[in-house]
C-alpha atoms as a PDB file:
ATOM      1  CA  MET A   1     168.937 -20.408-100.308  1.00  0.00           C
ATOM      2  CA  LYS A   2     167.805 -17.126-101.790  1.00  0.00           C
ATOM      3  CA  ILE A   3     165.587 -17.470-104.848  1.00  0.00           C
ATOM      4  CA  LEU A   4     166.914 -15.091-107.476  1.00  0.00           C
ATOM      5  CA  SER A   5     163.912 -15.277-109.759  1.00  0.00           C
ATOM      6  CA  ASN A   6     160.473 -16.806-109.821  1.00  0.00           C
ATOM      7  CA  LYS A   7     159.419 -15.273-113.118  1.00  0.00           C
ATOM      8  CA  ASP A   8     156.756 -17.275-114.919  1.00  0.00           C
ATOM      9  CA  ASN A   9     157.075 -19.979-112.232  1.00  0.00           C
ATOM     10  CA  LEU A  10     160.741 -20.528-113.088  1.00  0.00           C
ATOM     11  CA  GLN A  11     162.639 -20.802-109.816  1.00  0.00           C
ATOM     12  CA  VAL A  12     166.271 -19.872-110.444  1.00  0.00           C
ATOM     13  CA  LEU A  13     168.663 -20.873-107.654  1.00  0.00           C
ATOM     14  CA  HIS A  14     171.882 -19.604-109.253  1.00  0.00           C
ATOM     15  CA  GLU A  15     173.055 -18.048-112.493  1.00  0.00           C
ATOM     16  CA  ASP A  16     176.297 -16.718-113.872  1.00  0.00           C
ATOM     17  CA  ASN A  17     177.891 -16.465-117.317  1.00  0.00           C
ATOM     18  CA  HIS A  18     178.542 -20.210-117.495  1.00  0.00           C
ATOM     19  CA  ILE A  19     175.754 -22.049-115.656  1.00  0.00           C
ATOM     20  CA  ILE A  20     172.151 -21.648-114.568  1.00  0.00           C
ATOM     21  CA  VAL A  21     170.609 -23.782-111.826  1.00  0.00           C
ATOM     22  CA  VAL A  22     166.850 -24.129-111.424  1.00  0.00           C
ATOM     23  CA  ASN A  23     164.425 -25.850-109.083  1.00  0.00           C
ATOM     24  CA  LYS A  24     162.354 -28.081-111.358  1.00  0.00           C
ATOM     25  CA  ARG A  25     158.649 -28.385-110.664  1.00  0.00           C
ATOM     26  CA  VAL A  26     156.727 -31.646-110.650  1.00  0.00           C
ATOM     27  CA  GLY A  27     155.555 -32.376-114.207  1.00  0.00           C
ATOM     28  CA  ASP A  28     158.257 -30.400-116.023  1.00  0.00           C
ATOM     29  CA  ILE A  29     160.294 -32.367-118.555  1.00  0.00           C
ATOM     30  CA  VAL A  30     163.941 -31.352-118.653  1.00  0.00           C
ATOM     31  CA  GLN A  31     164.420 -32.031-122.369  1.00  0.00           C
ATOM     32  CA  GLY A  32     161.953 -32.407-125.238  1.00  0.00           C
ATOM     33  CA  ASP A  33     160.440 -35.865-125.777  1.00  0.00           C
ATOM     34  CA  LYS A  34     157.752 -37.619-127.801  1.00  0.00           C
ATOM     35  CA  THR A  35     154.970 -35.906-125.809  1.00  0.00           C
ATOM     36  CA  GLY A  36     155.759 -32.657-127.563  1.00  0.00           C
ATOM     37  CA  ASP A  37     155.298 -30.783-124.287  1.00  0.00           C
ATOM     38  CA  LYS A  38     157.417 -27.682-123.813  1.00  0.00           C
ATOM     39  CA  PRO A  39     160.587 -28.702-121.958  1.00  0.00           C
ATOM     40  CA  LEU A  40     162.253 -26.871-119.100  1.00  0.00           C
ATOM     41  CA  SER A  41     165.287 -26.250-121.337  1.00  0.00           C
ATOM     42  CA  ASP A  42     163.143 -24.103-123.660  1.00  0.00           C
ATOM     43  CA  ILE A  43     161.634 -22.203-120.732  1.00  0.00           C
ATOM     44  CA  VAL A  44     165.135 -21.422-119.410  1.00  0.00           C
ATOM     45  CA  LYS A  45     166.269 -20.294-122.877  1.00  0.00           C
ATOM     46  CA  GLU A  46     163.339 -17.867-123.055  1.00  0.00           C
ATOM     47  CA  TYR A  47     164.164 -16.565-119.581  1.00  0.00           C
ATOM     48  CA  ILE A  48     167.817 -15.893-120.577  1.00  0.00           C
ATOM     49  CA  LYS A  49     166.858 -14.345-123.905  1.00  0.00           C
ATOM     50  CA  GLU A  50     164.417 -11.935-122.283  1.00  0.00           C
ATOM     51  CA  LYS A  51     166.475 -11.060-119.196  1.00  0.00           C
ATOM     52  CA  TYR A  52     169.680 -10.325-121.114  1.00  0.00           C
ATOM     53  CA  ASN A  53     167.992  -9.108-124.311  1.00  0.00           C
ATOM     54  CA  LYS A  54     169.942 -11.651-126.352  1.00  0.00           C
ATOM     55  CA  PRO A  55     169.467 -11.643-130.137  1.00  0.00           C
ATOM     56  CA  GLY A  56     169.216 -14.911-132.062  1.00  0.00           C
ATOM     57  CA  GLU A  57     169.402 -18.398-130.648  1.00  0.00           C
ATOM     58  CA  VAL A  58     170.369 -18.829-126.984  1.00  0.00           C
ATOM     59  CA  PHE A  59     172.847 -21.622-126.198  1.00  0.00           C
ATOM     60  CA  LEU A  60     171.798 -23.908-123.367  1.00  0.00           C
ATOM     61  CA  GLY A  61     173.287 -27.339-122.701  1.00  0.00           C
ATOM     62  CA  VAL A  62     171.415 -30.079-120.840  1.00  0.00           C
ATOM     63  CA  VAL A  63     173.886 -31.598-118.362  1.00  0.00           C
ATOM     64  CA  HIS A  64     171.652 -34.078-116.508  1.00  0.00           C
ATOM     65  CA  ARG A  65     167.980 -34.905-116.090  1.00  0.00           C
ATOM     66  CA  LEU A  66     165.337 -35.603-113.478  1.00  0.00           C
ATOM     67  CA  ASP A  67     162.313 -37.830-114.029  1.00  0.00           C
ATOM     68  CA  ARG A  68     159.214 -35.881-114.990  1.00  0.00           C
ATOM     69  CA  PRO A  69     157.268 -36.691-111.766  1.00  0.00           C
ATOM     70  CA  THR A  70     160.128 -35.541-109.512  1.00  0.00           C
ATOM     71  CA  SER A  71     161.165 -32.056-108.435  1.00  0.00           C
ATOM     72  CA  GLY A  72     164.421 -30.375-107.518  1.00  0.00           C
ATOM     73  CA  ILE A  73     167.802 -29.180-108.749  1.00  0.00           C
ATOM     74  CA  VAL A  74     168.688 -29.163-112.442  1.00  0.00           C
ATOM     75  CA  VAL A  75     171.899 -27.608-113.807  1.00  0.00           C
ATOM     76  CA  PHE A  76     172.171 -26.234-117.336  1.00  0.00           C
ATOM     77  CA  ALA A  77     175.311 -25.020-119.120  1.00  0.00           C
ATOM     78  CA  ARG A  78     175.301 -21.594-120.741  1.00  0.00           C
ATOM     79  CA  THR A  79     178.471 -22.126-122.801  1.00  0.00           C
ATOM     80  CA  SER A  80     179.848 -25.054-124.782  1.00  0.00           C
ATOM     81  CA  LYS A  81     182.996 -25.073-122.629  1.00  0.00           C
ATOM     82  CA  ALA A  82     180.893 -25.332-119.454  1.00  0.00           C
ATOM     83  CA  LEU A  83     178.809 -28.116-121.022  1.00  0.00           C
ATOM     84  CA  THR A  84     181.886 -30.209-121.877  1.00  0.00           C
ATOM     85  CA  ARG A  85     183.368 -29.818-118.404  1.00  0.00           C
ATOM     86  CA  LEU A  86     180.080 -30.428-116.571  1.00  0.00           C
ATOM     87  CA  ASN A  87     179.393 -33.515-118.685  1.00  0.00           C
ATOM     88  CA  GLU A  88     182.733 -34.922-117.540  1.00  0.00           C
ATOM     89  CA  THR A  89     182.010 -34.008-113.925  1.00  0.00           C
ATOM     90  CA  PHE A  90     178.669 -35.816-113.924  1.00  0.00           C
ATOM     91  CA  LYS A  91     179.965 -38.770-115.953  1.00  0.00           C
ATOM     92  CA  ASN A  92     182.844 -39.303-113.525  1.00  0.00           C
ATOM     93  CA  ARG A  93     180.563 -38.992-110.474  1.00  0.00           C
ATOM     94  CA  GLU A  94     182.462 -35.941-109.226  1.00  0.00           C
ATOM     95  CA  THR A  95     179.253 -34.534-107.781  1.00  0.00           C
ATOM     96  CA  GLN A  96     177.367 -35.084-104.551  1.00  0.00           C
ATOM     97  CA  LYS A  97     173.618 -35.584-104.959  1.00  0.00           C
ATOM     98  CA  THR A  98     171.215 -35.659-102.038  1.00  0.00           C
ATOM     99  CA  TYR A  99     167.518 -36.403-102.423  1.00  0.00           C
ATOM    100  CA  TRP A 100     164.539 -36.319-100.109  1.00  0.00           C
ATOM    101  CA  ALA A 101     161.756 -38.880-100.434  1.00  0.00           C
ATOM    102  CA  ILE A 102     158.453 -39.499 -98.667  1.00  0.00           C
ATOM    103  CA  VAL A 103     157.776 -43.242 -98.409  1.00  0.00           C
ATOM    104  CA  LYS A 104     154.846 -45.351 -97.309  1.00  0.00           C
ATOM    105  CA  ASN A 105     156.429 -47.801 -94.883  1.00  0.00           C
ATOM    106  CA  GLN A 106     159.191 -47.652 -92.307  1.00  0.00           C
ATOM    107  CA  PRO A 107     162.478 -48.920 -93.771  1.00  0.00           C
ATOM    108  CA  PRO A 108     164.023 -52.004 -92.128  1.00  0.00           C
ATOM    109  CA  LYS A 109     166.805 -49.832 -90.681  1.00  0.00           C
ATOM    110  CA  ASP A 110     166.965 -46.162 -89.729  1.00  0.00           C
ATOM    111  CA  VAL A 111     170.242 -45.799 -91.658  1.00  0.00           C
ATOM    112  CA  ASP A 112     171.472 -48.157 -94.359  1.00  0.00           C
ATOM    113  CA  THR A 113     173.289 -48.569 -97.663  1.00  0.00           C
ATOM    114  CA  LEU A 114     171.386 -50.365-100.405  1.00  0.00           C
ATOM    115  CA  ILE A 115     173.157 -52.271-103.168  1.00  0.00           C
ATOM    116  CA  HIS A 116     171.147 -53.873-105.965  1.00  0.00           C
ATOM    117  CA  PHE A 117     171.649 -54.871-109.570  1.00  0.00           C
ATOM    118  CA  LEU A 118     169.128 -53.178-111.834  1.00  0.00           C
ATOM    119  CA  THR A 119     167.743 -54.345-115.144  1.00  0.00           C
ATOM    120  CA  ARG A 120     165.760 -51.993-117.345  1.00  0.00           C
ATOM    121  CA  ASN A 121     162.520 -52.741-119.181  1.00  0.00           C
ATOM    122  CA  PRO A 122     162.200 -50.235-122.035  1.00  0.00           C
ATOM    123  CA  LYS A 123     158.673 -51.416-122.904  1.00  0.00           C
ATOM    124  CA  ASN A 124     157.116 -50.052-119.726  1.00  0.00           C
ATOM    125  CA  ASN A 125     159.992 -47.705-118.796  1.00  0.00           C
ATOM    126  CA  THR A 126     160.773 -49.328-115.448  1.00  0.00           C
ATOM    127  CA  SER A 127     163.748 -50.877-113.718  1.00  0.00           C
ATOM    128  CA  LYS A 128     163.831 -54.005-111.584  1.00  0.00           C
ATOM    129  CA  ALA A 129     166.101 -54.540-108.583  1.00  0.00           C
ATOM    130  CA  HIS A 130     167.926 -57.854-108.096  1.00  0.00           C
ATOM    131  CA  SER A 131     169.898 -58.852-105.022  1.00  0.00           C
ATOM    132  CA  LYS A 132     172.586 -60.503-107.175  1.00  0.00           C
ATOM    133  CA  GLU A 133     174.141 -59.693-110.517  1.00  0.00           C
ATOM    134  CA  VAL A 134     172.077 -60.941-113.458  1.00  0.00           C
ATOM    135  CA  LYS A 135     172.400 -60.621-117.222  1.00  0.00           C
ATOM    136  CA  ASP A 136     172.457 -57.007-118.470  1.00  0.00           C
ATOM    137  CA  SER A 137     172.204 -55.647-114.930  1.00  0.00           C
ATOM    138  CA  LYS A 138     174.001 -52.582-113.585  1.00  0.00           C
ATOM    139  CA  LYS A 139     175.141 -52.147-110.001  1.00  0.00           C
ATOM    140  CA  ALA A 140     173.206 -49.495-108.074  1.00  0.00           C
ATOM    141  CA  SER A 141     174.197 -48.090-104.706  1.00  0.00           C
ATOM    142  CA  LEU A 142     172.700 -45.483-102.377  1.00  0.00           C
ATOM    143  CA  SER A 143     172.642 -44.617 -98.685  1.00  0.00           C
ATOM    144  CA  TYR A 144     169.569 -43.446 -96.822  1.00  0.00           C
ATOM    145  CA  SER A 145     168.597 -42.227 -93.368  1.00  0.00           C
ATOM    146  CA  ILE A 146     165.220 -41.514 -91.818  1.00  0.00           C
ATOM    147  CA  ILE A 147     165.080 -37.786 -91.170  1.00  0.00           C
ATOM    148  CA  GLN A 148     161.548 -37.614 -89.800  1.00  0.00           C
ATOM    149  CA  LYS A 149     158.591 -39.833 -88.953  1.00  0.00           C
ATOM    150  CA  LEU A 150     155.407 -38.196 -90.213  1.00  0.00           C
ATOM    151  CA  ASN A 151     151.767 -39.101 -89.446  1.00  0.00           C
ATOM    152  CA  ASN A 152     151.410 -41.737 -92.151  1.00  0.00           C
ATOM    153  CA  TYR A 153     154.769 -41.630 -93.883  1.00  0.00           C
ATOM    154  CA  PHE A 154     158.524 -41.527 -93.389  1.00  0.00           C
ATOM    155  CA  ALA A 155     160.828 -38.831 -94.745  1.00  0.00           C
ATOM    156  CA  LEU A 156     164.172 -40.121 -95.989  1.00  0.00           C
ATOM    157  CA  GLU A 157     167.402 -38.399 -97.003  1.00  0.00           C
ATOM    158  CA  ILE A 158     169.228 -40.264 -99.753  1.00  0.00           C
ATOM    159  CA  ASP A 159     172.801 -39.939-100.982  1.00  0.00           C
ATOM    160  CA  LEU A 160     173.204 -41.335-104.459  1.00  0.00           C
ATOM    161  CA  HIS A 161     176.416 -43.246-105.254  1.00  0.00           C
ATOM    162  CA  THR A 162     175.501 -44.315-108.796  1.00  0.00           C
ATOM    163  CA  GLY A 163     173.175 -42.871-111.403  1.00  0.00           C
ATOM    164  CA  ARG A 164     170.883 -45.582-112.743  1.00  0.00           C
ATOM    165  CA  HIS A 165     167.483 -45.401-114.421  1.00  0.00           C
ATOM    166  CA  HIS A 166     164.783 -44.849-111.737  1.00  0.00           C
ATOM    167  CA  GLN A 167     167.357 -45.952-109.191  1.00  0.00           C
ATOM    168  CA  ILE A 168     165.934 -44.398-106.022  1.00  0.00           C
ATOM    169  CA  ARG A 169     162.365 -45.304-106.917  1.00  0.00           C
ATOM    170  CA  CYS A 170     163.315 -48.874-107.723  1.00  0.00           C
ATOM    171  CA  GLN A 171     165.633 -49.519-104.785  1.00  0.00           C
ATOM    172  CA  LEU A 172     163.267 -48.086-102.170  1.00  0.00           C
ATOM    173  CA  ALA A 173     160.400 -50.150-103.603  1.00  0.00           C
ATOM    174  CA  ALA A 174     162.635 -53.231-103.357  1.00  0.00           C
ATOM    175  CA  ILE A 175     162.848 -52.830 -99.562  1.00  0.00           C
ATOM    176  CA  GLY A 176     159.086 -52.324 -99.267  1.00  0.00           C
ATOM    177  CA  CYS A 177     159.138 -48.525 -99.169  1.00  0.00           C
ATOM    178  CA  PRO A 178     157.528 -47.176-102.365  1.00  0.00           C
ATOM    179  CA  ILE A 179     157.612 -43.396-102.776  1.00  0.00           C
ATOM    180  CA  LYS A 180     154.309 -41.597-102.233  1.00  0.00           C
ATOM    181  CA  GLY A 181     152.427 -41.314-105.520  1.00  0.00           C
ATOM    182  CA  ASP A 182     154.710 -43.669-107.439  1.00  0.00           C
ATOM    183  CA  LEU A 183     152.263 -46.098-109.061  1.00  0.00           C
ATOM    184  CA  LYS A 184     155.013 -47.605-111.241  1.00  0.00           C
ATOM    185  CA  TYR A 185     156.806 -48.897-108.177  1.00  0.00           C
ATOM    186  CA  GLY A 186     153.993 -50.068-105.964  1.00  0.00           C
ATOM    187  CA  PHE A 187     152.380 -47.086-104.288  1.00  0.00           C
ATOM    188  CA  ASP A 188     148.620 -47.623-104.160  1.00  0.00           C
ATOM    189  CA  ARG A 189     147.353 -44.253-105.374  1.00  0.00           C
ATOM    190  CA  SER A 190     148.580 -41.313-107.406  1.00  0.00           C
ATOM    191  CA  ASN A 191     149.208 -37.793-106.164  1.00  0.00           C
ATOM    192  CA  PRO A 192     146.703 -35.141-107.292  1.00  0.00           C
ATOM    193  CA  ASP A 193     149.375 -33.434-109.428  1.00  0.00           C
ATOM    194  CA  GLY A 194     150.521 -36.697-111.007  1.00  0.00           C
ATOM    195  CA  GLY A 195     153.955 -36.369-109.425  1.00  0.00           C
ATOM    196  CA  ILE A 196     155.801 -38.360-106.803  1.00  0.00           C
ATOM    197  CA  HIS A 197     157.321 -37.271-103.503  1.00  0.00           C
ATOM    198  CA  LEU A 198     160.938 -37.436-104.638  1.00  0.00           C
ATOM    199  CA  HIS A 199     162.938 -34.204-104.562  1.00  0.00           C
ATOM    200  CA  ALA A 200     166.514 -33.487-105.661  1.00  0.00           C
ATOM    201  CA  ARG A 201     167.284 -31.503-102.524  1.00  0.00           C
ATOM    202  CA  LYS A 202     171.013 -30.753-102.622  1.00  0.00           C
ATOM    203  CA  LEU A 203     173.812 -30.778-105.183  1.00  0.00           C
ATOM    204  CA  ILE A 204     177.514 -30.073-104.761  1.00  0.00           C
ATOM    205  CA  ILE A 205     179.529 -29.465-107.921  1.00  0.00           C
ATOM    206  CA  THR A 206     182.773 -27.850-109.016  1.00  0.00           C
ATOM    207  CA  HIS A 207     182.174 -24.751-111.121  1.00  0.00           C
ATOM    208  CA  PRO A 208     183.307 -25.528-114.693  1.00  0.00           C
ATOM    209  CA  THR A 209     185.488 -22.430-115.048  1.00  0.00           C
ATOM    210  CA  THR A 210     186.254 -20.943-111.610  1.00  0.00           C
ATOM    211  CA  LYS A 211     186.769 -24.430-110.059  1.00  0.00           C
ATOM    212  CA  GLU A 212     184.948 -23.160-106.978  1.00  0.00           C
ATOM    213  CA  THR A 213     182.941 -25.719-105.000  1.00  0.00           C
ATOM    214  CA  LEU A 214     179.273 -24.777-105.247  1.00  0.00           C
ATOM    215  CA  THR A 215     176.478 -26.102-103.033  1.00  0.00           C
ATOM    216  CA  PHE A 216     172.849 -25.733-104.097  1.00  0.00           C
ATOM    217  CA  VAL A 217     169.788 -26.474-101.960  1.00  0.00           C
ATOM    218  CA  ALA A 218     166.320 -26.519-103.512  1.00  0.00           C
ATOM    219  CA  PRO A 219     163.227 -25.657-101.459  1.00  0.00           C
ATOM    220  CA  THR A 220     160.630 -28.437-101.453  1.00  0.00           C
ATOM    221  CA  PRO A 221     157.366 -28.043-103.380  1.00  0.00           C
ATOM    222  CA  ASN A 222     154.551 -26.120-101.712  1.00  0.00           C
ATOM    223  CA  ASP A 223     152.840 -29.222-100.399  1.00  0.00           C
ATOM    224  CA  VAL A 224     151.406 -30.056 -96.962  1.00  0.00           C
ATOM    225  CA  ILE A 225     153.533 -33.179 -96.501  1.00  0.00           C
ATOM    226  CA  TRP A 226     156.788 -31.602 -97.658  1.00  0.00           C
ATOM    227  CA  LYS A 227     156.139 -28.560 -95.468  1.00  0.00           C
ATOM    228  CA  SER A 228     155.717 -30.795 -92.401  1.00  0.00           C
ATOM    229  CA  ILE A 229     159.427 -31.711 -92.509  1.00  0.00           C
ATOM    230  CA  ASN A 230     161.326 -29.651 -89.961  1.00  0.00           C
END
């Protein structure tokens, strides 16, 4: 997909009067948190303000999030109407999300659907996968396929059916396939940039006002392993 802007390292995949879609870098936080680090939402606001010479405060609604160590597609709303409609779309799972992941071990099957019940531990900000329903657990479902066997790793394509906390990271670790760099879920060493090899590759949504079906594809980070995927 054509990159419309790469100003100040902000990679804009699509923009119109109602939405703006960006390719998040590893380490960016989507929304402000206790770290006090500048969030991606503020960077996008500055981009809009400067590009369109907008006076005063710029409206930007956060529709969904990606974990800080991951990269890939993030959609923001530029109007309150778009925010309300997109919130409903994401809440009702009327989107199609596809991720790419680089994992350490070969999965048990080349193609499979994983169903677990996840419990969340807020103290260490992790989730745990259970094979059966347990107290306070939430059902998590995804499908994966091996798209390429690399020298020391396996590249997977993942279609997300539910949206749980750390779902992909947790479920892949549960089948013995931790994501490269993901110390929280069993990978043995961190990546130099502190990120993990999980990328929100593709997103299909309905435009909040035109009702057009939009498909976004985010280029992978400029990394030797990602670039080895054909």
